[in-house]
Amino acid sequence: MASAALVSHVVVSKFAWYLPLYRQAQILAGQGIQLDRATLAGWVKRAAWWLKSLYELQLRMIQAAPRLFCDETLMPVLDPGRHRPRICQFWAHAMDDRP
């Protein structure tokens, strides 16, 4: 059973430090902990499920603001089936209520 601290570490490593799950599995294996990448992916999926309501609340608050700023960034992402990158879009939304 994974503790909340371990799942948090995996999620933060993936999204804040850009450490893919296969690399995390390799790092953990180097420390004697054998975890499959699919197990780590399941943990990330479960954490996203737990955080969905927080995300929806945050999105409602942002969309209710009088001024909304959006940024669309194009980024190449490896497409495993084609063995080459494809262009994806990342969106960032922010609000600023300062005068």
PDB file of N, CA and C in Angstrom:
ATOM      1  N   MET A   1       0.840  -1.181   0.000  1.00  0.00           N
ATOM      2  CA  MET A   1       0.000   0.000   0.000  1.00  0.00           C
ATOM      3  C   MET A   1       0.879   1.237   0.000  1.00  0.00           C
ATOM      4  N   ALA A   2       0.494   2.161  -0.840  1.00  0.00           N
ATOM      5  CA  ALA A   2       1.266   3.395  -0.950  1.00  0.00           C
ATOM      6  C   ALA A   2       0.736   4.431   0.035  1.00  0.00           C
ATOM      7  N   SER A   3       1.630   5.104   0.689  1.00  0.00           N
ATOM      8  CA  SER A   3       1.225   6.181   1.598  1.00  0.00           C
ATOM      9  C   SER A   3       0.892   7.431   0.774  1.00  0.00           C
ATOM     10  N   ALA A   4       0.191   8.353   1.395  1.00  0.00           N
ATOM     11  CA  ALA A   4      -0.126   9.615   0.730  1.00  0.00           C
ATOM     12  C   ALA A   4       1.154  10.380   0.394  1.00  0.00           C
ATOM     13  N   ALA A   5       2.155  10.244   1.253  1.00  0.00           N
ATOM     14  CA  ALA A   5       3.428  10.934   1.010  1.00  0.00           C
ATOM     15  C   ALA A   5       4.116  10.382  -0.242  1.00  0.00           C
ATOM     16  N   LEU A   6       4.085   9.065  -0.433  1.00  0.00           N
ATOM     17  CA  LEU A   6       4.730   8.467  -1.606  1.00  0.00           C
ATOM     18  C   LEU A   6       3.996   8.855  -2.880  1.00  0.00           C
ATOM     19  N   VAL A   7       2.663   8.803  -2.853  1.00  0.00           N
ATOM     20  CA  VAL A   7       1.888   9.190  -4.032  1.00  0.00           C
ATOM     21  C   VAL A   7       2.119  10.671  -4.347  1.00  0.00           C
ATOM     22  N   SER A   8       2.149  11.507  -3.331  1.00  0.00           N
ATOM     23  CA  SER A   8       2.424  12.933  -3.534  1.00  0.00           C
ATOM     24  C   SER A   8       3.798  13.137  -4.145  1.00  0.00           C
ATOM     25  N   HIS A   9       4.769  12.382  -3.668  1.00  0.00           N
ATOM     26  CA  HIS A   9       6.131  12.489  -4.209  1.00  0.00           C
ATOM     27  C   HIS A   9       6.149  12.123  -5.695  1.00  0.00           C
ATOM     28  N   VAL A  10       5.470  11.060  -6.062  1.00  0.00           N
ATOM     29  CA  VAL A  10       5.433  10.624  -7.466  1.00  0.00           C
ATOM     30  C   VAL A  10       4.771  11.696  -8.328  1.00  0.00           C
ATOM     31  N   VAL A  11       3.643  12.242  -7.863  1.00  0.00           N
ATOM     32  CA  VAL A  11       2.911  13.244  -8.644  1.00  0.00           C
ATOM     33  C   VAL A  11       3.725  14.534  -8.776  1.00  0.00           C
ATOM     34  N   VAL A  12       4.318  14.992  -7.687  1.00  0.00           N
ATOM     35  CA  VAL A  12       5.126  16.214  -7.748  1.00  0.00           C
ATOM     36  C   VAL A  12       6.356  16.001  -8.627  1.00  0.00           C
ATOM     37  N   SER A  13       6.977  14.847  -8.525  1.00  0.00           N
ATOM     38  CA  SER A  13       8.141  14.561  -9.381  1.00  0.00           C
ATOM     39  C   SER A  13       7.756  14.567 -10.851  1.00  0.00           C
ATOM     40  N   LYS A  14       6.579  14.050 -11.151  1.00  0.00           N
ATOM     41  CA  LYS A  14       6.132  13.991 -12.544  1.00  0.00           C
ATOM     42  C   LYS A  14       5.783  15.377 -13.091  1.00  0.00           C
ATOM     43  N   PHE A  15       4.998  16.149 -12.345  1.00  0.00           N
ATOM     44  CA  PHE A  15       4.476  17.394 -12.896  1.00  0.00           C
ATOM     45  C   PHE A  15       5.292  18.630 -12.530  1.00  0.00           C
ATOM     46  N   ALA A  16       5.910  18.670 -11.385  1.00  0.00           N
ATOM     47  CA  ALA A  16       6.689  19.851 -11.005  1.00  0.00           C
ATOM     48  C   ALA A  16       8.145  19.739 -11.459  1.00  0.00           C
ATOM     49  N   TRP A  17       8.693  18.522 -11.436  1.00  0.00           N
ATOM     50  CA  TRP A  17      10.100  18.329 -11.789  1.00  0.00           C
ATOM     51  C   TRP A  17      10.279  17.637 -13.124  1.00  0.00           C
ATOM     52  N   TYR A  18       9.149  17.357 -13.846  1.00  0.00           N
ATOM     53  CA  TYR A  18       9.183  16.788 -15.203  1.00  0.00           C
ATOM     54  C   TYR A  18       9.936  15.464 -15.276  1.00  0.00           C
ATOM     55  N   LEU A  19       9.776  14.654 -14.255  1.00  0.00           N
ATOM     56  CA  LEU A  19      10.451  13.364 -14.197  1.00  0.00           C
ATOM     57  C   LEU A  19       9.462  12.284 -14.633  1.00  0.00           C
ATOM     58  N   PRO A  20       9.630  11.710 -15.818  1.00  0.00           N
ATOM     59  CA  PRO A  20       8.663  10.721 -16.292  1.00  0.00           C
ATOM     60  C   PRO A  20       8.609   9.488 -15.389  1.00  0.00           C
ATOM     61  N   LEU A  21       7.496   8.783 -15.482  1.00  0.00           N
ATOM     62  CA  LEU A  21       7.283   7.643 -14.592  1.00  0.00           C
ATOM     63  C   LEU A  21       8.310   6.534 -14.820  1.00  0.00           C
ATOM     64  N   TYR A  22       8.741   6.320 -16.050  1.00  0.00           N
ATOM     65  CA  TYR A  22       9.730   5.264 -16.278  1.00  0.00           C
ATOM     66  C   TYR A  22      11.051   5.588 -15.580  1.00  0.00           C
ATOM     67  N   ARG A  23      11.408   6.881 -15.536  1.00  0.00           N
ATOM     68  CA  ARG A  23      12.640   7.265 -14.836  1.00  0.00           C
ATOM     69  C   ARG A  23      12.466   7.116 -13.328  1.00  0.00           C
ATOM     70  N   GLN A  24      11.273   7.454 -12.825  1.00  0.00           N
ATOM     71  CA  GLN A  24      11.022   7.274 -11.396  1.00  0.00           C
ATOM     72  C   GLN A  24      11.111   5.794 -11.028  1.00  0.00           C
ATOM     73  N   ALA A  25      10.575   4.917 -11.886  1.00  0.00           N
ATOM     74  CA  ALA A  25      10.659   3.481 -11.625  1.00  0.00           C
ATOM     75  C   ALA A  25      12.121   3.031 -11.598  1.00  0.00           C
ATOM     76  N   GLN A  26      12.940   3.583 -12.493  1.00  0.00           N
ATOM     77  CA  GLN A  26      14.364   3.240 -12.505  1.00  0.00           C
ATOM     78  C   GLN A  26      15.062   3.734 -11.241  1.00  0.00           C
ATOM     79  N   ILE A  27      14.746   4.944 -10.812  1.00  0.00           N
ATOM     80  CA  ILE A  27      15.358   5.502  -9.604  1.00  0.00           C
ATOM     81  C   ILE A  27      14.975   4.667  -8.391  1.00  0.00           C
ATOM     82  N   LEU A  28      13.704   4.326  -8.280  1.00  0.00           N
ATOM     83  CA  LEU A  28      13.256   3.499  -7.163  1.00  0.00           C
ATOM     84  C   LEU A  28      13.893   2.115  -7.205  1.00  0.00           C
ATOM     85  N   ALA A  29      14.053   1.557  -8.394  1.00  0.00           N
ATOM     86  CA  ALA A  29      14.708   0.248  -8.526  1.00  0.00           C
ATOM     87  C   ALA A  29      16.154   0.322  -8.053  1.00  0.00           C
ATOM     88  N   GLY A  30      16.808   1.441  -8.302  1.00  0.00           N
ATOM     89  CA  GLY A  30      18.173   1.631  -7.823  1.00  0.00           C
ATOM     90  C   GLY A  30      18.261   1.676  -6.304  1.00  0.00           C
ATOM     91  N   GLN A  31      17.138   1.966  -5.662  1.00  0.00           N
ATOM     92  CA  GLN A  31      17.087   1.989  -4.203  1.00  0.00           C
ATOM     93  C   GLN A  31      16.496   0.694  -3.638  1.00  0.00           C
ATOM     94  N   GLY A  32      16.292  -0.284  -4.535  1.00  0.00           N
ATOM     95  CA  GLY A  32      15.801  -1.585  -4.090  1.00  0.00           C
ATOM     96  C   GLY A  32      14.291  -1.700  -4.028  1.00  0.00           C
ATOM     97  N   ILE A  33      13.575  -0.753  -4.584  1.00  0.00           N
ATOM     98  CA  ILE A  33      12.111  -0.779  -4.578  1.00  0.00           C
ATOM     99  C   ILE A  33      11.641  -1.073  -5.998  1.00  0.00           C
ATOM    100  N   GLN A  34      11.050  -2.233  -6.206  1.00  0.00           N
ATOM    101  CA  GLN A  34      10.592  -2.641  -7.527  1.00  0.00           C
ATOM    102  C   GLN A  34       9.135  -2.239  -7.718  1.00  0.00           C
ATOM    103  N   LEU A  35       8.894  -1.204  -8.504  1.00  0.00           N
ATOM    104  CA  LEU A  35       7.540  -0.754  -8.825  1.00  0.00           C
ATOM    105  C   LEU A  35       7.408  -0.662 -10.333  1.00  0.00           C
ATOM    106  N   ASP A  36       6.320  -1.182 -10.834  1.00  0.00           N
ATOM    107  CA  ASP A  36       6.041  -1.127 -12.257  1.00  0.00           C
ATOM    108  C   ASP A  36       5.559   0.269 -12.633  1.00  0.00           C
ATOM    109  N   ARG A  37       5.851   0.695 -13.846  1.00  0.00           N
ATOM    110  CA  ARG A  37       5.402   2.003 -14.308  1.00  0.00           C
ATOM    111  C   ARG A  37       3.879   2.082 -14.317  1.00  0.00           C
ATOM    112  N   ALA A  38       3.208   0.981 -14.609  1.00  0.00           N
ATOM    113  CA  ALA A  38       1.742   0.972 -14.598  1.00  0.00           C
ATOM    114  C   ALA A  38       1.201   1.232 -13.193  1.00  0.00           C
ATOM    115  N   THR A  39       1.896   0.759 -12.176  1.00  0.00           N
ATOM    116  CA  THR A  39       1.488   1.022 -10.795  1.00  0.00           C
ATOM    117  C   THR A  39       1.596   2.510 -10.500  1.00  0.00           C
ATOM    118  N   LEU A  40       2.700   3.113 -10.898  1.00  0.00           N
ATOM    119  CA  LEU A  40       2.883   4.554 -10.697  1.00  0.00           C
ATOM    120  C   LEU A  40       1.812   5.341 -11.454  1.00  0.00           C
ATOM    121  N   ALA A  41       1.500   4.910 -12.672  1.00  0.00           N
ATOM    122  CA  ALA A  41       0.470   5.587 -13.462  1.00  0.00           C
ATOM    123  C   ALA A  41      -0.894   5.481 -12.777  1.00  0.00           C
ATOM    124  N   GLY A  42      -1.170   4.346 -12.188  1.00  0.00           N
ATOM    125  CA  GLY A  42      -2.419   4.185 -11.441  1.00  0.00           C
ATOM    126  C   GLY A  42      -2.496   5.128 -10.258  1.00  0.00           C
ATOM    127  N   TRP A  43      -1.376   5.302  -9.573  1.00  0.00           N
ATOM    128  CA  TRP A  43      -1.337   6.239  -8.441  1.00  0.00           C
ATOM    129  C   TRP A  43      -1.600   7.668  -8.907  1.00  0.00           C
ATOM    130  N   VAL A  44      -0.987   8.052 -10.035  1.00  0.00           N
ATOM    131  CA  VAL A  44      -1.186   9.399 -10.574  1.00  0.00           C
ATOM    132  C   VAL A  44      -2.651   9.591 -10.958  1.00  0.00           C
ATOM    133  N   LYS A  45      -3.231   8.573 -11.569  1.00  0.00           N
ATOM    134  CA  LYS A  45      -4.645   8.643 -11.962  1.00  0.00           C
ATOM    135  C   LYS A  45      -5.537   8.790 -10.733  1.00  0.00           C
ATOM    136  N   ARG A  46      -5.253   8.042  -9.694  1.00  0.00           N
ATOM    137  CA  ARG A  46      -6.045   8.110  -8.466  1.00  0.00           C
ATOM    138  C   ARG A  46      -5.887   9.480  -7.792  1.00  0.00           C
ATOM    139  N   ALA A  47      -4.672  10.014  -7.797  1.00  0.00           N
ATOM    140  CA  ALA A  47      -4.453  11.348  -7.218  1.00  0.00           C
ATOM    141  C   ALA A  47      -5.231  12.400  -8.004  1.00  0.00           C
ATOM    142  N   ALA A  48      -5.263  12.265  -9.331  1.00  0.00           N
ATOM    143  CA  ALA A  48      -6.031  13.203 -10.153  1.00  0.00           C
ATOM    144  C   ALA A  48      -7.513  13.110  -9.818  1.00  0.00           C
ATOM    145  N   TRP A  49      -8.006  11.905  -9.560  1.00  0.00           N
ATOM    146  CA  TRP A  49      -9.402  11.727  -9.184  1.00  0.00           C
ATOM    147  C   TRP A  49      -9.700  12.441  -7.866  1.00  0.00           C
ATOM    148  N   TRP A  50      -8.798  12.310  -6.901  1.00  0.00           N
ATOM    149  CA  TRP A  50      -8.992  12.963  -5.607  1.00  0.00           C
ATOM    150  C   TRP A  50      -8.936  14.478  -5.731  1.00  0.00           C
ATOM    151  N   LEU A  51      -8.144  14.993  -6.653  1.00  0.00           N
ATOM    152  CA  LEU A  51      -7.963  16.440  -6.791  1.00  0.00           C
ATOM    153  C   LEU A  51      -8.930  17.093  -7.778  1.00  0.00           C
ATOM    154  N   LYS A  52      -9.781  16.304  -8.421  1.00  0.00           N
ATOM    155  CA  LYS A  52     -10.662  16.841  -9.454  1.00  0.00           C
ATOM    156  C   LYS A  52     -11.588  17.928  -8.917  1.00  0.00           C
ATOM    157  N   SER A  53     -12.175  17.735  -7.751  1.00  0.00           N
ATOM    158  CA  SER A  53     -13.092  18.747  -7.219  1.00  0.00           C
ATOM    159  C   SER A  53     -12.361  20.047  -6.888  1.00  0.00           C
ATOM    160  N   LEU A  54     -11.132  19.951  -6.414  1.00  0.00           N
ATOM    161  CA  LEU A  54     -10.333  21.150  -6.160  1.00  0.00           C
ATOM    162  C   LEU A  54     -10.035  21.884  -7.464  1.00  0.00           C
ATOM    163  N   TYR A  55      -9.714  21.135  -8.505  1.00  0.00           N
ATOM    164  CA  TYR A  55      -9.459  21.713  -9.824  1.00  0.00           C
ATOM    165  C   TYR A  55     -10.700  22.424 -10.343  1.00  0.00           C
ATOM    166  N   GLU A  56     -11.872  21.783 -10.209  1.00  0.00           N
ATOM    167  CA  GLU A  56     -13.108  22.390 -10.697  1.00  0.00           C
ATOM    168  C   GLU A  56     -13.451  23.669  -9.940  1.00  0.00           C
ATOM    169  N   LEU A  57     -13.225  23.677  -8.640  1.00  0.00           N
ATOM    170  CA  LEU A  57     -13.450  24.888  -7.845  1.00  0.00           C
ATOM    171  C   LEU A  57     -12.513  26.009  -8.284  1.00  0.00           C
ATOM    172  N   GLN A  58     -11.253  25.674  -8.467  1.00  0.00           N
ATOM    173  CA  GLN A  58     -10.276  26.665  -8.915  1.00  0.00           C
ATOM    174  C   GLN A  58     -10.655  27.218 -10.288  1.00  0.00           C
ATOM    175  N   LEU A  59     -11.095  26.359 -11.192  1.00  0.00           N
ATOM    176  CA  LEU A  59     -11.478  26.794 -12.528  1.00  0.00           C
ATOM    177  C   LEU A  59     -12.708  27.707 -12.488  1.00  0.00           C
ATOM    178  N   ARG A  60     -13.685  27.377 -11.647  1.00  0.00           N
ATOM    179  CA  ARG A  60     -14.865  28.239 -11.497  1.00  0.00           C
ATOM    180  C   ARG A  60     -14.476  29.618 -10.967  1.00  0.00           C
ATOM    181  N   MET A  61     -13.572  29.664 -10.012  1.00  0.00           N
ATOM    182  CA  MET A  61     -13.127  30.946  -9.461  1.00  0.00           C
ATOM    183  C   MET A  61     -12.397  31.777 -10.509  1.00  0.00           C
ATOM    184  N   ILE A  62     -11.571  31.127 -11.298  1.00  0.00           N
ATOM    185  CA  ILE A  62     -10.831  31.840 -12.346  1.00  0.00           C
ATOM    186  C   ILE A  62     -11.793  32.367 -13.396  1.00  0.00           C
ATOM    187  N   GLN A  63     -12.738  31.547 -13.816  1.00  0.00           N
ATOM    188  CA  GLN A  63     -13.665  31.958 -14.873  1.00  0.00           C
ATOM    189  C   GLN A  63     -14.644  33.029 -14.401  1.00  0.00           C
ATOM    190  N   ALA A  64     -14.855  33.152 -13.104  1.00  0.00           N
ATOM    191  CA  ALA A  64     -15.755  34.181 -12.577  1.00  0.00           C
ATOM    192  C   ALA A  64     -15.068  35.531 -12.430  1.00  0.00           C
ATOM    193  N   ALA A  65     -13.784  35.596 -12.608  1.00  0.00           N
ATOM    194  CA  ALA A  65     -13.040  36.847 -12.448  1.00  0.00           C
ATOM    195  C   ALA A  65     -13.387  37.815 -13.576  1.00  0.00           C
ATOM    196  N   PRO A  66     -13.328  39.117 -13.292  1.00  0.00           N
ATOM    197  CA  PRO A  66     -13.654  40.096 -14.336  1.00  0.00           C
ATOM    198  C   PRO A  66     -12.617  40.139 -15.466  1.00  0.00           C
ATOM    199  N   ARG A  67     -11.392  39.777 -15.149  1.00  0.00           N
ATOM    200  CA  ARG A  67     -10.346  39.729 -16.181  1.00  0.00           C
ATOM    201  C   ARG A  67      -9.692  38.360 -16.146  1.00  0.00           C
ATOM    202  N   LEU A  68      -9.568  37.763 -17.301  1.00  0.00           N
ATOM    203  CA  LEU A  68      -8.998  36.422 -17.422  1.00  0.00           C
ATOM    204  C   LEU A  68      -7.889  36.458 -18.461  1.00  0.00           C
ATOM    205  N   PHE A  69      -6.766  35.917 -18.118  1.00  0.00           N
ATOM    206  CA  PHE A  69      -5.630  35.855 -19.033  1.00  0.00           C
ATOM    207  C   PHE A  69      -5.405  34.398 -19.429  1.00  0.00           C
ATOM    208  N   CYS A  70      -5.174  34.165 -20.711  1.00  0.00           N
ATOM    209  CA  CYS A  70      -4.949  32.808 -21.212  1.00  0.00           C
ATOM    210  C   CYS A  70      -3.660  32.783 -22.016  1.00  0.00           C
ATOM    211  N   ASP A  71      -2.991  31.660 -21.930  1.00  0.00           N
ATOM    212  CA  ASP A  71      -1.780  31.451 -22.715  1.00  0.00           C
ATOM    213  C   ASP A  71      -1.849  30.064 -23.327  1.00  0.00           C
ATOM    214  N   GLU A  72      -1.631  30.014 -24.618  1.00  0.00           N
ATOM    215  CA  GLU A  72      -1.589  28.746 -25.330  1.00  0.00           C
ATOM    216  C   GLU A  72      -0.155  28.527 -25.790  1.00  0.00           C
ATOM    217  N   THR A  73       0.451  27.454 -25.330  1.00  0.00           N
ATOM    218  CA  THR A  73       1.837  27.155 -25.675  1.00  0.00           C
ATOM    219  C   THR A  73       1.877  25.849 -26.448  1.00  0.00           C
ATOM    220  N   LEU A  74       2.531  25.870 -27.582  1.00  0.00           N
ATOM    221  CA  LEU A  74       2.721  24.651 -28.366  1.00  0.00           C
ATOM    222  C   LEU A  74       3.966  23.936 -27.873  1.00  0.00           C
ATOM    223  N   MET A  75       3.870  22.624 -27.738  1.00  0.00           N
ATOM    224  CA  MET A  75       4.993  21.869 -27.228  1.00  0.00           C
ATOM    225  C   MET A  75       5.048  20.496 -27.901  1.00  0.00           C
ATOM    226  N   PRO A  76       6.224  20.075 -28.356  1.00  0.00           N
ATOM    227  CA  PRO A  76       6.321  18.734 -28.927  1.00  0.00           C
ATOM    228  C   PRO A  76       6.254  17.669 -27.822  1.00  0.00           C
ATOM    229  N   VAL A  77       5.451  16.639 -28.063  1.00  0.00           N
ATOM    230  CA  VAL A  77       5.291  15.536 -27.123  1.00  0.00           C
ATOM    231  C   VAL A  77       5.516  14.253 -27.895  1.00  0.00           C
ATOM    232  N   LEU A  78       6.298  13.352 -27.335  1.00  0.00           N
ATOM    233  CA  LEU A  78       6.603  12.100 -28.013  1.00  0.00           C
ATOM    234  C   LEU A  78       5.341  11.266 -28.160  1.00  0.00           C
ATOM    235  N   ASP A  79       5.064  10.824 -29.373  1.00  0.00           N
ATOM    236  CA  ASP A  79       3.922   9.961 -29.668  1.00  0.00           C
ATOM    237  C   ASP A  79       4.458   8.540 -29.794  1.00  0.00           C
ATOM    238  N   PRO A  80       4.238   7.682 -28.769  1.00  0.00           N
ATOM    239  CA  PRO A  80       4.855   6.359 -28.760  1.00  0.00           C
ATOM    240  C   PRO A  80       4.496   5.499 -29.971  1.00  0.00           C
ATOM    241  N   GLY A  81       3.286   5.617 -30.501  1.00  0.00           N
ATOM    242  CA  GLY A  81       2.884   4.798 -31.643  1.00  0.00           C
ATOM    243  C   GLY A  81       3.613   5.169 -32.916  1.00  0.00           C
ATOM    244  N   ARG A  82       3.921   6.452 -33.074  1.00  0.00           N
ATOM    245  CA  ARG A  82       4.589   6.918 -34.295  1.00  0.00           C
ATOM    246  C   ARG A  82       6.092   7.040 -34.139  1.00  0.00           C
ATOM    247  N   HIS A  83       6.577   6.958 -32.919  1.00  0.00           N
ATOM    248  CA  HIS A  83       8.015   7.069 -32.617  1.00  0.00           C
ATOM    249  C   HIS A  83       8.596   8.410 -33.056  1.00  0.00           C
ATOM    250  N   ARG A  84       7.779   9.447 -32.997  1.00  0.00           N
ATOM    251  CA  ARG A  84       8.235  10.800 -33.287  1.00  0.00           C
ATOM    252  C   ARG A  84       7.326  11.761 -32.539  1.00  0.00           C
ATOM    253  N   PRO A  85       7.792  12.984 -32.375  1.00  0.00           N
ATOM    254  CA  PRO A  85       6.969  13.927 -31.603  1.00  0.00           C
ATOM    255  C   PRO A  85       5.792  14.463 -32.412  1.00  0.00           C
ATOM    256  N   ARG A  86       4.750  14.835 -31.709  1.00  0.00           N
ATOM    257  CA  ARG A  86       3.624  15.545 -32.304  1.00  0.00           C
ATOM    258  C   ARG A  86       3.452  16.837 -31.510  1.00  0.00           C
ATOM    259  N   ILE A  87       2.802  17.796 -32.078  1.00  0.00           N
ATOM    260  CA  ILE A  87       2.628  19.093 -31.429  1.00  0.00           C
ATOM    261  C   ILE A  87       1.326  19.074 -30.615  1.00  0.00           C
ATOM    262  N   CYS A  88       1.454  19.372 -29.337  1.00  0.00           N
ATOM    263  CA  CYS A  88       0.306  19.457 -28.438  1.00  0.00           C
ATOM    264  C   CYS A  88       0.180  20.893 -27.941  1.00  0.00           C
ATOM    265  N   GLN A  89      -0.964  21.194 -27.361  1.00  0.00           N
ATOM    266  CA  GLN A  89      -1.214  22.527 -26.830  1.00  0.00           C
ATOM    267  C   GLN A  89      -1.370  22.455 -25.322  1.00  0.00           C
ATOM    268  N   PHE A  90      -0.689  23.338 -24.625  1.00  0.00           N
ATOM    269  CA  PHE A  90      -0.832  23.486 -23.188  1.00  0.00           C
ATOM    270  C   PHE A  90      -1.463  24.847 -22.926  1.00  0.00           C
ATOM    271  N   TRP A  91      -2.485  24.851 -22.099  1.00  0.00           N
ATOM    272  CA  TRP A  91      -3.202  26.075 -21.796  1.00  0.00           C
ATOM    273  C   TRP A  91      -2.953  26.481 -20.355  1.00  0.00           C
ATOM    274  N   ALA A  92      -2.764  27.759 -20.152  1.00  0.00           N
ATOM    275  CA  ALA A  92      -2.636  28.303 -18.798  1.00  0.00           C
ATOM    276  C   ALA A  92      -3.664  29.423 -18.662  1.00  0.00           C
ATOM    277  N   HIS A  93      -4.402  29.398 -17.562  1.00  0.00           N
ATOM    278  CA  HIS A  93      -5.395  30.440 -17.265  1.00  0.00           C
ATOM    279  C   HIS A  93      -4.994  31.124 -15.972  1.00  0.00           C
ATOM    280  N   ALA A  94      -5.171  32.408 -15.926  1.00  0.00           N
ATOM    281  CA  ALA A  94      -4.849  33.170 -14.715  1.00  0.00           C
ATOM    282  C   ALA A  94      -5.800  34.359 -14.614  1.00  0.00           C
ATOM    283  N   MET A  95      -5.973  34.801 -13.400  1.00  0.00           N
ATOM    284  CA  MET A  95      -6.792  36.002 -13.179  1.00  0.00           C
ATOM    285  C   MET A  95      -5.959  37.005 -12.394  1.00  0.00           C
ATOM    286  N   ASP A  96      -6.320  38.259 -12.563  1.00  0.00           N
ATOM    287  CA  ASP A  96      -5.633  39.332 -11.858  1.00  0.00           C
ATOM    288  C   ASP A  96      -6.672  40.388 -11.528  1.00  0.00           C
ATOM    289  N   ASP A  97      -7.006  40.546 -10.264  1.00  0.00           N
ATOM    290  CA  ASP A  97      -8.020  41.498  -9.868  1.00  0.00           C
ATOM    291  C   ASP A  97      -7.430  42.820  -9.349  1.00  0.00           C
ATOM    292  N   ARG A  98      -6.153  43.028  -9.585  1.00  0.00           N
ATOM    293  CA  ARG A  98      -5.539  44.293  -9.177  1.00  0.00           C
ATOM    294  C   ARG A  98      -6.004  45.412 -10.111  1.00  0.00           C
ATOM    295  N   PRO A  99      -6.058  46.652  -9.624  1.00  0.00           N
ATOM    296  CA  PRO A  99      -6.472  47.758 -10.494  1.00  0.00           C
ATOM    297  C   PRO A  99      -5.442  48.041 -11.589  1.00  0.00           C
TER     298      PRO A  99
END
